[in-house]
Every structure is written in C-alpha cells, then in structure tokens.
Amino acid sequence: MTVEELTASALRLSDHDRAALAHRLLESLDPGEDYLSGEEWTENWGTEVRRRLAAFRNGDTEASDWSDALDRMRGALGEGRGT
C-alpha cells in the first residue's frame, strides 16, 4: 500500500478515528532531542497563553471571531472554505 492509498483510506475515517490514528502515529515517532515531554509542553503552552492574554489586556492585540480567524488561516494556507 502506498502512502497515497493509506492517506485516502485514513481520510475516510471518522474524525474521532482519524484523531486516534494521528495520535498513535505521532507516538510512534522517535522523539529526538527536540521532543518536549507532556509536562514541558503544558508549561510552554501555559506561558504562551499568559503572554497572549497579557497582550490582549494591554491593548496590544485584538480578539477575532473564530470564523474570521479560520478564514484568515485558510487564506494563508491557500485553502477555500470547507476544505
């Protein structure tokens, strides 16, 4: 089975099953030296959340509706709505 065939099959799975498959695949990778443990990841993400919240509260950034933010991300990735 080729990667393309496997991908096509995986994309036919439910969202839940695709997430489970992605999780298993990520766990199977060699973490290497750039790997963050769950604790390190949580700590780093918490720092980032606090930084973003402080920027918002200080008026350095503005909030966006989720649909607007998603449209901007899709546009940046060259994807249309619903893809």
PDB file of N, CA and C in Angstrom:
ATOM      1  N   MET A   1       0.853  -1.172   0.000  1.00  0.00           N
ATOM      2  CA  MET A   1       0.000   0.000   0.000  1.00  0.00           C
ATOM      3  C   MET A   1       0.899   1.234   0.000  1.00  0.00           C
ATOM      4  N   THR A   2       0.596   2.191  -0.860  1.00  0.00           N
ATOM      5  CA  THR A   2       1.378   3.415  -0.933  1.00  0.00           C
ATOM      6  C   THR A   2       0.902   4.419   0.129  1.00  0.00           C
ATOM      7  N   VAL A   3       1.710   5.433   0.340  1.00  0.00           N
ATOM      8  CA  VAL A   3       1.332   6.485   1.284  1.00  0.00           C
ATOM      9  C   VAL A   3       0.046   7.157   0.807  1.00  0.00           C
ATOM     10  N   GLU A   4      -0.076   7.368  -0.489  1.00  0.00           N
ATOM     11  CA  GLU A   4      -1.279   7.997  -1.038  1.00  0.00           C
ATOM     12  C   GLU A   4      -2.519   7.141  -0.781  1.00  0.00           C
ATOM     13  N   GLU A   5      -2.409   5.832  -0.969  1.00  0.00           N
ATOM     14  CA  GLU A   5      -3.541   4.931  -0.724  1.00  0.00           C
ATOM     15  C   GLU A   5      -3.899   4.909   0.763  1.00  0.00           C
ATOM     16  N   LEU A   6      -2.885   4.870   1.583  1.00  0.00           N
ATOM     17  CA  LEU A   6      -3.109   4.869   3.025  1.00  0.00           C
ATOM     18  C   LEU A   6      -3.767   6.178   3.469  1.00  0.00           C
ATOM     19  N   THR A   7      -3.300   7.285   2.919  1.00  0.00           N
ATOM     20  CA  THR A   7      -3.889   8.585   3.242  1.00  0.00           C
ATOM     21  C   THR A   7      -5.353   8.636   2.830  1.00  0.00           C
ATOM     22  N   ALA A   8      -5.644   8.168   1.620  1.00  0.00           N
ATOM     23  CA  ALA A   8      -7.030   8.167   1.141  1.00  0.00           C
ATOM     24  C   ALA A   8      -7.912   7.331   2.062  1.00  0.00           C
ATOM     25  N   SER A   9      -7.412   6.192   2.497  1.00  0.00           N
ATOM     26  CA  SER A   9      -8.180   5.345   3.416  1.00  0.00           C
ATOM     27  C   SER A   9      -8.372   6.035   4.762  1.00  0.00           C
ATOM     28  N   ALA A  10      -7.314   6.644   5.263  1.00  0.00           N
ATOM     29  CA  ALA A  10      -7.392   7.314   6.564  1.00  0.00           C
ATOM     30  C   ALA A  10      -8.382   8.475   6.530  1.00  0.00           C
ATOM     31  N   LEU A  11      -8.438   9.184   5.418  1.00  0.00           N
ATOM     32  CA  LEU A  11      -9.343  10.329   5.318  1.00  0.00           C
ATOM     33  C   LEU A  11     -10.813   9.913   5.274  1.00  0.00           C
ATOM     34  N   ARG A  12     -11.074   8.653   5.036  1.00  0.00           N
ATOM     35  CA  ARG A  12     -12.454   8.164   5.061  1.00  0.00           C
ATOM     36  C   ARG A  12     -12.910   7.797   6.477  1.00  0.00           C
ATOM     37  N   LEU A  13     -11.991   7.805   7.423  1.00  0.00           N
ATOM     38  CA  LEU A  13     -12.327   7.503   8.814  1.00  0.00           C
ATOM     39  C   LEU A  13     -13.109   8.659   9.428  1.00  0.00           C
ATOM     40  N   SER A  14     -13.798   8.380  10.518  1.00  0.00           N
ATOM     41  CA  SER A  14     -14.491   9.436  11.260  1.00  0.00           C
ATOM     42  C   SER A  14     -13.446  10.377  11.878  1.00  0.00           C
ATOM     43  N   ASP A  15     -13.893  11.553  12.279  1.00  0.00           N
ATOM     44  CA  ASP A  15     -12.986  12.496  12.931  1.00  0.00           C
ATOM     45  C   ASP A  15     -12.313  11.855  14.142  1.00  0.00           C
ATOM     46  N   HIS A  16     -13.105  11.158  14.935  1.00  0.00           N
ATOM     47  CA  HIS A  16     -12.575  10.522  16.145  1.00  0.00           C
ATOM     48  C   HIS A  16     -11.498   9.496  15.795  1.00  0.00           C
ATOM     49  N   ASP A  17     -11.764   8.654  14.803  1.00  0.00           N
ATOM     50  CA  ASP A  17     -10.792   7.628  14.435  1.00  0.00           C
ATOM     51  C   ASP A  17      -9.542   8.234  13.801  1.00  0.00           C
ATOM     52  N   ARG A  18      -9.709   9.313  13.008  1.00  0.00           N
ATOM     53  CA  ARG A  18      -8.532   9.976  12.431  1.00  0.00           C
ATOM     54  C   ARG A  18      -7.667  10.580  13.530  1.00  0.00           C
ATOM     55  N   ALA A  19      -8.308  11.169  14.538  1.00  0.00           N
ATOM     56  CA  ALA A  19      -7.547  11.735  15.654  1.00  0.00           C
ATOM     57  C   ALA A  19      -6.795  10.638  16.403  1.00  0.00           C
ATOM     58  N   ALA A  20      -7.448   9.510  16.623  1.00  0.00           N
ATOM     59  CA  ALA A  20      -6.792   8.390  17.309  1.00  0.00           C
ATOM     60  C   ALA A  20      -5.610   7.875  16.492  1.00  0.00           C
ATOM     61  N   LEU A  21      -5.791   7.779  15.179  1.00  0.00           N
ATOM     62  CA  LEU A  21      -4.706   7.323  14.305  1.00  0.00           C
ATOM     63  C   LEU A  21      -3.546   8.316  14.338  1.00  0.00           C
ATOM     64  N   ALA A  22      -3.859   9.603  14.248  1.00  0.00           N
ATOM     65  CA  ALA A  22      -2.814  10.628  14.289  1.00  0.00           C
ATOM     66  C   ALA A  22      -2.040  10.550  15.595  1.00  0.00           C
ATOM     67  N   HIS A  23      -2.759  10.362  16.686  1.00  0.00           N
ATOM     68  CA  HIS A  23      -2.111  10.252  17.999  1.00  0.00           C
ATOM     69  C   HIS A  23      -1.152   9.062  18.024  1.00  0.00           C
ATOM     70  N   ARG A  24      -1.613   7.929  17.531  1.00  0.00           N
ATOM     71  CA  ARG A  24      -0.754   6.733  17.520  1.00  0.00           C
ATOM     72  C   ARG A  24       0.464   6.929  16.629  1.00  0.00           C
ATOM     73  N   LEU A  25       0.267   7.563  15.481  1.00  0.00           N
ATOM     74  CA  LEU A  25       1.399   7.799  14.576  1.00  0.00           C
ATOM     75  C   LEU A  25       2.415   8.741  15.210  1.00  0.00           C
ATOM     76  N   LEU A  26       1.940   9.800  15.845  1.00  0.00           N
ATOM     77  CA  LEU A  26       2.855  10.730  16.499  1.00  0.00           C
ATOM     78  C   LEU A  26       3.621  10.059  17.626  1.00  0.00           C
ATOM     79  N   GLU A  27       2.933   9.208  18.369  1.00  0.00           N
ATOM     80  CA  GLU A  27       3.610   8.495  19.460  1.00  0.00           C
ATOM     81  C   GLU A  27       4.684   7.547  18.938  1.00  0.00           C
ATOM     82  N   SER A  28       4.538   7.086  17.696  1.00  0.00           N
ATOM     83  CA  SER A  28       5.489   6.122  17.150  1.00  0.00           C
ATOM     84  C   SER A  28       6.784   6.769  16.665  1.00  0.00           C
ATOM     85  N   LEU A  29       6.800   8.092  16.542  1.00  0.00           N
ATOM     86  CA  LEU A  29       7.990   8.781  16.049  1.00  0.00           C
ATOM     87  C   LEU A  29       9.075   8.826  17.110  1.00  0.00           C
ATOM     88  N   ASP A  30      10.320   8.789  16.652  1.00  0.00           N
ATOM     89  CA  ASP A  30      11.453   8.947  17.550  1.00  0.00           C
ATOM     90  C   ASP A  30      11.452  10.391  18.029  1.00  0.00           C
ATOM     91  N   PRO A  31      11.358  10.605  19.328  1.00  0.00           N
ATOM     92  CA  PRO A  31      11.235  11.975  19.815  1.00  0.00           C
ATOM     93  C   PRO A  31      12.452  12.845  19.541  1.00  0.00           C
ATOM     94  N   GLY A  32      13.639  12.264  19.498  1.00  0.00           N
ATOM     95  CA  GLY A  32      14.833  13.056  19.235  1.00  0.00           C
ATOM     96  C   GLY A  32      15.064  14.111  20.306  1.00  0.00           C
ATOM     97  N   GLU A  33      16.027  14.951  20.054  1.00  0.00           N
ATOM     98  CA  GLU A  33      16.410  15.939  21.065  1.00  0.00           C
ATOM     99  C   GLU A  33      15.457  17.120  21.148  1.00  0.00           C
ATOM    100  N   ASP A  34      14.625  17.342  20.120  1.00  0.00           N
ATOM    101  CA  ASP A  34      13.699  18.475  20.128  1.00  0.00           C
ATOM    102  C   ASP A  34      12.364  18.127  20.788  1.00  0.00           C
ATOM    103  N   TYR A  35      12.221  16.933  21.278  1.00  0.00           N
ATOM    104  CA  TYR A  35      10.968  16.471  21.868  1.00  0.00           C
ATOM    105  C   TYR A  35      10.715  17.145  23.211  1.00  0.00           C
ATOM    106  N   LEU A  36       9.480  17.567  23.409  1.00  0.00           N
ATOM    107  CA  LEU A  36       9.069  18.092  24.715  1.00  0.00           C
ATOM    108  C   LEU A  36       8.191  17.058  25.393  1.00  0.00           C
ATOM    109  N   SER A  37       8.424  16.839  26.657  1.00  0.00           N
ATOM    110  CA  SER A  37       7.551  15.949  27.416  1.00  0.00           C
ATOM    111  C   SER A  37       6.195  16.622  27.553  1.00  0.00           C
ATOM    112  N   GLY A  38       5.197  15.859  27.951  1.00  0.00           N
ATOM    113  CA  GLY A  38       3.876  16.427  28.171  1.00  0.00           C
ATOM    114  C   GLY A  38       3.916  17.567  29.174  1.00  0.00           C
ATOM    115  N   GLU A  39       4.696  17.402  30.214  1.00  0.00           N
ATOM    116  CA  GLU A  39       4.824  18.443  31.238  1.00  0.00           C
ATOM    117  C   GLU A  39       5.481  19.698  30.665  1.00  0.00           C
ATOM    118  N   GLU A  40       6.548  19.516  29.874  1.00  0.00           N
ATOM    119  CA  GLU A  40       7.224  20.663  29.266  1.00  0.00           C
ATOM    120  C   GLU A  40       6.309  21.373  28.265  1.00  0.00           C
ATOM    121  N   TRP A  41       5.574  20.584  27.487  1.00  0.00           N
ATOM    122  CA  TRP A  41       4.654  21.159  26.512  1.00  0.00           C
ATOM    123  C   TRP A  41       3.587  21.983  27.217  1.00  0.00           C
ATOM    124  N   THR A  42       3.024  21.428  28.284  1.00  0.00           N
ATOM    125  CA  THR A  42       1.986  22.130  29.043  1.00  0.00           C
ATOM    126  C   THR A  42       2.538  23.422  29.640  1.00  0.00           C
ATOM    127  N   GLU A  43       3.729  23.363  30.178  1.00  0.00           N
ATOM    128  CA  GLU A  43       4.348  24.554  30.757  1.00  0.00           C
ATOM    129  C   GLU A  43       4.594  25.620  29.685  1.00  0.00           C
ATOM    130  N   ASN A  44       5.139  25.207  28.540  1.00  0.00           N
ATOM    131  CA  ASN A  44       5.406  26.159  27.458  1.00  0.00           C
ATOM    132  C   ASN A  44       4.122  26.758  26.913  1.00  0.00           C
ATOM    133  N   TRP A  45       3.106  25.929  26.735  1.00  0.00           N
ATOM    134  CA  TRP A  45       1.838  26.439  26.219  1.00  0.00           C
ATOM    135  C   TRP A  45       1.195  27.380  27.233  1.00  0.00           C
ATOM    136  N   GLY A  46       1.291  27.072  28.515  1.00  0.00           N
ATOM    137  CA  GLY A  46       0.762  27.954  29.547  1.00  0.00           C
ATOM    138  C   GLY A  46       1.445  29.318  29.510  1.00  0.00           C
ATOM    139  N   THR A  47       2.742  29.329  29.296  1.00  0.00           N
ATOM    140  CA  THR A  47       3.486  30.587  29.168  1.00  0.00           C
ATOM    141  C   THR A  47       2.978  31.385  27.974  1.00  0.00           C
ATOM    142  N   GLU A  48       2.763  30.699  26.856  1.00  0.00           N
ATOM    143  CA  GLU A  48       2.268  31.366  25.651  1.00  0.00           C
ATOM    144  C   GLU A  48       0.863  31.913  25.852  1.00  0.00           C
ATOM    145  N   VAL A  49       0.001  31.169  26.503  1.00  0.00           N
ATOM    146  CA  VAL A  49      -1.361  31.633  26.767  1.00  0.00           C
ATOM    147  C   VAL A  49      -1.327  32.885  27.645  1.00  0.00           C
ATOM    148  N   ARG A  50      -0.499  32.872  28.679  1.00  0.00           N
ATOM    149  CA  ARG A  50      -0.386  34.046  29.548  1.00  0.00           C
ATOM    150  C   ARG A  50       0.153  35.253  28.777  1.00  0.00           C
ATOM    151  N   ARG A  51       1.119  35.032  27.887  1.00  0.00           N
ATOM    152  CA  ARG A  51       1.671  36.124  27.078  1.00  0.00           C
ATOM    153  C   ARG A  51       0.587  36.714  26.180  1.00  0.00           C
ATOM    154  N   ARG A  52      -0.195  35.854  25.533  1.00  0.00           N
ATOM    155  CA  ARG A  52      -1.255  36.330  24.640  1.00  0.00           C
ATOM    156  C   ARG A  52      -2.344  37.062  25.408  1.00  0.00           C
ATOM    157  N   LEU A  53      -2.716  36.556  26.566  1.00  0.00           N
ATOM    158  CA  LEU A  53      -3.738  37.208  27.379  1.00  0.00           C
ATOM    159  C   LEU A  53      -3.260  38.584  27.830  1.00  0.00           C
ATOM    160  N   ALA A  54      -2.007  38.695  28.247  1.00  0.00           N
ATOM    161  CA  ALA A  54      -1.455  39.987  28.668  1.00  0.00           C
ATOM    162  C   ALA A  54      -1.458  40.966  27.491  1.00  0.00           C
ATOM    163  N   ALA A  55      -1.096  40.500  26.301  1.00  0.00           N
ATOM    164  CA  ALA A  55      -1.108  41.369  25.116  1.00  0.00           C
ATOM    165  C   ALA A  55      -2.520  41.860  24.824  1.00  0.00           C
ATOM    166  N   PHE A  56      -3.499  40.984  24.977  1.00  0.00           N
ATOM    167  CA  PHE A  56      -4.892  41.381  24.757  1.00  0.00           C
ATOM    168  C   PHE A  56      -5.330  42.407  25.795  1.00  0.00           C
ATOM    169  N   ARG A  57      -5.045  42.126  27.046  1.00  0.00           N
ATOM    170  CA  ARG A  57      -5.456  43.040  28.125  1.00  0.00           C
ATOM    171  C   ARG A  57      -4.768  44.395  28.036  1.00  0.00           C
ATOM    172  N   ASN A  58      -3.543  44.419  27.505  1.00  0.00           N
ATOM    173  CA  ASN A  58      -2.805  45.671  27.365  1.00  0.00           C
ATOM    174  C   ASN A  58      -3.198  46.436  26.104  1.00  0.00           C
ATOM    175  N   GLY A  59      -4.064  45.857  25.288  1.00  0.00           N
ATOM    176  CA  GLY A  59      -4.475  46.511  24.050  1.00  0.00           C
ATOM    177  C   GLY A  59      -3.489  46.355  22.911  1.00  0.00           C
ATOM    178  N   ASP A  60      -2.523  45.441  23.054  1.00  0.00           N
ATOM    179  CA  ASP A  60      -1.524  45.222  22.016  1.00  0.00           C
ATOM    180  C   ASP A  60      -2.036  44.334  20.885  1.00  0.00           C
ATOM    181  N   THR A  61      -3.152  43.679  21.105  1.00  0.00           N
ATOM    182  CA  THR A  61      -3.751  42.804  20.096  1.00  0.00           C
ATOM    183  C   THR A  61      -5.259  42.834  20.284  1.00  0.00           C
ATOM    184  N   GLU A  62      -5.979  42.421  19.259  1.00  0.00           N
ATOM    185  CA  GLU A  62      -7.438  42.414  19.322  1.00  0.00           C
ATOM    186  C   GLU A  62      -7.959  40.992  19.193  1.00  0.00           C
ATOM    187  N   ALA A  63      -9.137  40.784  19.743  1.00  0.00           N
ATOM    188  CA  ALA A  63      -9.792  39.484  19.626  1.00  0.00           C
ATOM    189  C   ALA A  63     -10.443  39.385  18.243  1.00  0.00           C
ATOM    190  N   SER A  64     -10.604  38.164  17.761  1.00  0.00           N
ATOM    191  CA  SER A  64     -11.263  37.908  16.479  1.00  0.00           C
ATOM    192  C   SER A  64     -12.338  36.859  16.678  1.00  0.00           C
ATOM    193  N   ASP A  65     -13.391  36.967  15.867  1.00  0.00           N
ATOM    194  CA  ASP A  65     -14.374  35.883  15.824  1.00  0.00           C
ATOM    195  C   ASP A  65     -13.672  34.650  15.276  1.00  0.00           C
ATOM    196  N   TRP A  66     -14.066  33.474  15.765  1.00  0.00           N
ATOM    197  CA  TRP A  66     -13.447  32.232  15.311  1.00  0.00           C
ATOM    198  C   TRP A  66     -13.584  32.076  13.800  1.00  0.00           C
ATOM    199  N   SER A  67     -14.754  32.379  13.251  1.00  0.00           N
ATOM    200  CA  SER A  67     -14.949  32.189  11.813  1.00  0.00           C
ATOM    201  C   SER A  67     -14.029  33.103  11.010  1.00  0.00           C
ATOM    202  N   ASP A  68     -13.802  34.340  11.483  1.00  0.00           N
ATOM    203  CA  ASP A  68     -12.875  35.257  10.801  1.00  0.00           C
ATOM    204  C   ASP A  68     -11.440  34.742  10.894  1.00  0.00           C
ATOM    205  N   ALA A  69     -11.054  34.287  12.070  1.00  0.00           N
ATOM    206  CA  ALA A  69      -9.698  33.760  12.248  1.00  0.00           C
ATOM    207  C   ALA A  69      -9.488  32.526  11.373  1.00  0.00           C
ATOM    208  N   LEU A  70     -10.488  31.652  11.309  1.00  0.00           N
ATOM    209  CA  LEU A  70     -10.380  30.449  10.489  1.00  0.00           C
ATOM    210  C   LEU A  70     -10.263  30.817   9.014  1.00  0.00           C
ATOM    211  N   ASP A  71     -11.041  31.794   8.562  1.00  0.00           N
ATOM    212  CA  ASP A  71     -10.950  32.247   7.173  1.00  0.00           C
ATOM    213  C   ASP A  71      -9.553  32.785   6.864  1.00  0.00           C
ATOM    214  N   ARG A  72      -8.971  33.556   7.789  1.00  0.00           N
ATOM    215  CA  ARG A  72      -7.615  34.084   7.577  1.00  0.00           C
ATOM    216  C   ARG A  72      -6.591  32.961   7.511  1.00  0.00           C
ATOM    217  N   MET A  73      -6.738  31.973   8.401  1.00  0.00           N
ATOM    218  CA  MET A  73      -5.794  30.840   8.378  1.00  0.00           C
ATOM    219  C   MET A  73      -5.913  30.068   7.079  1.00  0.00           C
ATOM    220  N   ARG A  74      -7.148  29.807   6.653  1.00  0.00           N
ATOM    221  CA  ARG A  74      -7.343  29.088   5.394  1.00  0.00           C
ATOM    222  C   ARG A  74      -6.790  29.876   4.226  1.00  0.00           C
ATOM    223  N   GLY A  75      -7.001  31.193   4.246  1.00  0.00           N
ATOM    224  CA  GLY A  75      -6.445  32.037   3.187  1.00  0.00           C
ATOM    225  C   GLY A  75      -4.929  31.985   3.156  1.00  0.00           C
ATOM    226  N   ALA A  76      -4.311  32.014   4.330  1.00  0.00           N
ATOM    227  CA  ALA A  76      -2.853  31.948   4.417  1.00  0.00           C
ATOM    228  C   ALA A  76      -2.328  30.613   3.912  1.00  0.00           C
ATOM    229  N   LEU A  77      -3.136  29.565   4.074  1.00  0.00           N
ATOM    230  CA  LEU A  77      -2.733  28.237   3.612  1.00  0.00           C
ATOM    231  C   LEU A  77      -3.177  27.957   2.181  1.00  0.00           C
ATOM    232  N   GLY A  78      -3.888  28.920   1.584  1.00  0.00           N
ATOM    233  CA  GLY A  78      -4.345  28.748   0.210  1.00  0.00           C
ATOM    234  C   GLY A  78      -5.514  27.786   0.083  1.00  0.00           C
ATOM    235  N   GLU A  79      -6.309  27.664   1.126  1.00  0.00           N
ATOM    236  CA  GLU A  79      -7.436  26.753   1.119  1.00  0.00           C
ATOM    237  C   GLU A  79      -8.732  27.547   1.091  1.00  0.00           C
ATOM    238  N   GLY A  80      -9.733  26.981   0.461  1.00  0.00           N
ATOM    239  CA  GLY A  80     -11.040  27.607   0.467  1.00  0.00           C
ATOM    240  C   GLY A  80     -11.868  27.154   1.656  1.00  0.00           C
ATOM    241  N   ARG A  81     -12.992  27.766   1.840  1.00  0.00           N
ATOM    242  CA  ARG A  81     -13.894  27.411   2.932  1.00  0.00           C
ATOM    243  C   ARG A  81     -14.360  25.970   2.741  1.00  0.00           C
ATOM    244  N   GLY A  82     -14.332  25.215   3.840  1.00  0.00           N
ATOM    245  CA  GLY A  82     -14.843  23.851   3.831  1.00  0.00           C
ATOM    246  C   GLY A  82     -13.892  22.812   3.288  1.00  0.00           C
ATOM    247  N   THR A  83     -12.618  23.169   3.117  1.00  0.00           N
ATOM    248  CA  THR A  83     -11.662  22.182   2.627  1.00  0.00           C
ATOM    249  C   THR A  83     -10.718  21.771   3.704  1.00  0.00           C
TER     250      THR A  83
END
